[in-house]
Protein backbone atom coordinates (compact mmCIF):
# COMPACT_ATOMS: atom_id res chain seq x y z
CA MET A 1 -2.80 -7.16 -3.55
CA LEU A 2 -1.59 -8.22 -7.05
CA GLU A 3 -3.71 -11.11 -7.39
CA SER A 4 -6.62 -9.55 -5.61
CA GLY A 5 -6.90 -7.30 -8.77
CA CYS A 6 -7.26 -4.15 -7.00
CA LYS A 7 -7.60 -1.11 -9.01
CA ALA A 8 -5.26 1.63 -9.14
CA VAL A 9 -5.82 4.23 -7.31
CA LYS A 10 -2.92 6.50 -7.98
CA GLU A 11 0.38 5.34 -10.40
CA GLY A 12 4.00 7.41 -10.60
CA MET A 13 7.63 7.30 -9.51
CA LEU A 14 8.70 7.26 -6.22
CA GLU A 15 12.20 7.26 -4.72
CA LYS A 16 13.14 5.12 -2.00
CA ARG A 17 16.07 5.37 0.28
CA SER A 18 17.66 1.41 -0.02
CA ASP A 19 18.37 -0.08 3.30
CA GLY A 20 22.18 -0.39 2.61
CA LEU A 21 24.98 1.15 4.02
CA LEU A 22 25.27 4.02 1.96
CA GLN A 23 21.34 4.46 1.85
CA LEU A 24 21.11 5.66 -1.78
CA TRP A 25 17.67 7.01 -3.17
CA LYS A 26 16.44 4.36 -5.99
CA LYS A 27 13.71 5.50 -8.07
CA LYS A 28 10.47 2.68 -7.88
CA ARG A 29 7.64 2.74 -9.75
CA CYS A 30 4.75 2.60 -7.53
CA ILE A 31 1.21 1.64 -7.59
CA LEU A 32 -1.46 3.02 -5.00
CA THR A 33 -4.24 0.52 -4.50
CA GLU A 34 -7.20 0.68 -1.89
CA GLU A 35 -5.48 -2.48 -0.06
CA GLY A 36 -1.74 -0.85 -0.10
CA LEU A 37 1.39 0.13 -2.01
CA LEU A 38 3.45 -1.78 -4.40
CA LEU A 39 7.31 -0.80 -5.10
CA ILE A 40 8.09 -1.78 -8.73
CA PRO A 41 11.72 -1.68 -10.02
CA PRO A 42 11.68 0.95 -12.80
CA LYS A 43 12.68 -1.71 -15.63
CA HIS A 44 9.88 -4.43 -14.70
CA PRO A 45 7.08 -4.96 -16.91
CA THR A 46 3.36 -4.09 -15.31
CA PRO A 47 1.55 -6.30 -13.45
CA PRO A 48 -0.60 -8.88 -14.91
CA GLN A 49 -4.30 -7.36 -14.08
CA GLN A 50 -2.61 -3.73 -14.98
CA GLN A 51 -1.84 -4.72 -18.56
CA GLN A 52 -3.98 -4.74 -21.92
CA GLN A 53 -3.95 -8.36 -22.57
CA GLN A 54 -0.65 -7.89 -24.33
CA PRO A 55 1.99 -10.81 -24.80
CA ALA A 56 4.12 -10.95 -21.21
CA PRO A 57 7.64 -9.88 -21.76
CA PRO A 58 10.24 -11.94 -19.57
CA ALA A 59 9.99 -10.72 -16.16
CA GLU A 60 11.95 -10.30 -13.49
CA PRO A 61 11.32 -12.92 -10.54
CA ALA A 62 7.97 -11.24 -9.10
CA ALA A 63 9.98 -11.23 -5.69
CA LYS A 64 11.36 -7.71 -6.99
CA ILE A 65 7.88 -6.26 -6.57
CA LYS A 66 7.35 -5.20 -2.98
CA GLU A 67 3.68 -5.21 -1.62
CA LEU A 68 3.32 -2.69 1.40
CA HIS A 69 -0.15 -3.89 2.88
CA PHE A 70 -1.97 -1.07 5.33
CA SER A 71 -3.10 -4.43 7.38
CA ASN A 72 0.99 -4.19 7.67
CA MET A 73 0.93 -0.47 7.96
CA LYS A 74 1.13 2.09 11.21
CA THR A 75 1.40 5.73 9.78
CA VAL A 76 2.87 7.48 7.34
CA ASP A 77 5.00 10.79 8.84
CA CYS A 78 5.76 13.57 6.87
CA VAL A 79 9.18 14.30 7.87
CA GLU A 80 10.04 17.17 5.86
CA ARG A 81 10.21 19.44 2.62
CA LYS A 82 13.14 20.91 1.40
CA GLY A 83 13.62 21.88 -1.78
CA LYS A 84 11.88 20.49 -4.69
CA TYR A 85 11.08 17.42 -2.40
CA VAL A 86 8.94 16.20 0.32
CA TYR A 87 10.32 13.53 2.37
CA PHE A 88 8.19 11.05 4.33
CA THR A 89 8.29 7.77 6.12
CA VAL A 90 5.94 4.57 6.05
CA VAL A 91 6.45 2.81 9.47
CA MET A 92 4.91 -0.80 9.44
CA ALA A 93 3.49 -2.91 12.04
CA GLU A 94 6.60 -4.80 13.03
CA GLY A 95 8.01 -1.20 13.74
CA LYS A 96 10.21 -0.99 10.38
CA GLU A 97 10.24 2.13 8.48
CA ILE A 98 10.48 2.75 4.91
CA ASP A 99 12.56 6.21 3.75
CA PHE A 100 10.76 7.93 0.68
CA ARG A 101 10.66 11.03 -1.88
CA CYS A 102 9.10 12.98 -4.24
CA ALA A 103 8.47 15.96 -5.88
CA GLN A 104 6.24 18.02 -3.63
CA GLU A 105 3.41 18.70 -6.36
CA GLN A 106 2.59 15.03 -6.43
CA GLY A 107 1.52 14.46 -3.12
CA TRP A 108 1.95 10.82 -2.52
CA ASN A 109 2.30 11.11 1.42
CA ALA A 110 -1.45 12.32 1.23
CA ALA A 111 -2.70 9.79 -1.41
CA ILE A 112 -1.19 7.35 0.76
CA THR A 113 -2.18 8.40 3.93
CA LEU A 114 -5.40 8.73 2.96
CA GLN A 115 -6.07 5.23 1.18
CA MET A 116 -4.66 3.78 4.45
CA VAL A 117 -7.02 5.80 6.92
CA GLN A 118 -9.77 4.37 3.92
CA TYR A 119 -8.85 1.01 4.55
CA LYS A 120 -8.34 1.22 8.40
CA ASN A 121 -11.81 2.55 8.41
CA ARG A 122 -13.24 -0.22 6.25
CA GLN A 123 -11.95 -3.17 8.72
CA ALA A 124 -12.98 -1.77 11.83
CA ILE A 125 -16.59 -1.17 10.03
CA LEU A 126 -16.68 -4.66 9.07
CA ALA A 127 -15.46 -6.01 12.47
CA VAL A 128 -18.28 -3.86 14.24
CA ARG A 129 -20.60 -5.98 11.69
CA SER A 130 -18.90 -9.00 12.38
CA THR A 131 -19.15 -8.62 16.08
CA ARG A 132 -22.98 -7.41 15.70
CA GLN A 133 -23.66 -10.13 13.51
CA LYS A 134 -22.44 -13.01 16.36
CA GLN A 135 -24.13 -10.58 19.21
CA GLN A 136 -27.55 -11.39 17.26
CA HIS A 137 -26.87 -15.02 16.60
CA LEU A 138 -26.27 -15.72 20.29
CA ALA A 139 -29.39 -13.79 21.49
CA ALA A 140 -31.54 -15.40 18.71
CA PRO A 141 -34.09 -17.80 20.60
CA HIS A 142 -33.03 -21.36 19.32
CA GLY A 143 -36.39 -23.58 18.14
CA PRO A 144 -38.41 -25.49 20.89
CA ARG A 145 -36.99 -28.29 22.30
């Protein structure tokens, strides 16, 4: 996603529940694209395609940026609205669940769901087109022998 230069659909802060024993909420700078969700530690520099031709400061390793690609995402479940937060879970294809929370008015869960559905629709259309092209190619008469 970083390399493909996808444009940002939404940017802002989300809190992600850590996987550790204490399960602390950690702030992540997030960039939602048409391909998925980028999770960036808050002190990490902006990804290269987002910068305006500025010299790059010494960066943390790219491994710190987590990419949640829609091709690996199954669902976004809205768990609950409690106080000022909405809590939701991103369920990955391999069954891994990633818990998030944000202020209710930010609407991250809806934005992620919408982009995921649009991505899956685009993939389905491409698959149908590909199948039709194969069928047309097979059905086309092969010149005189």
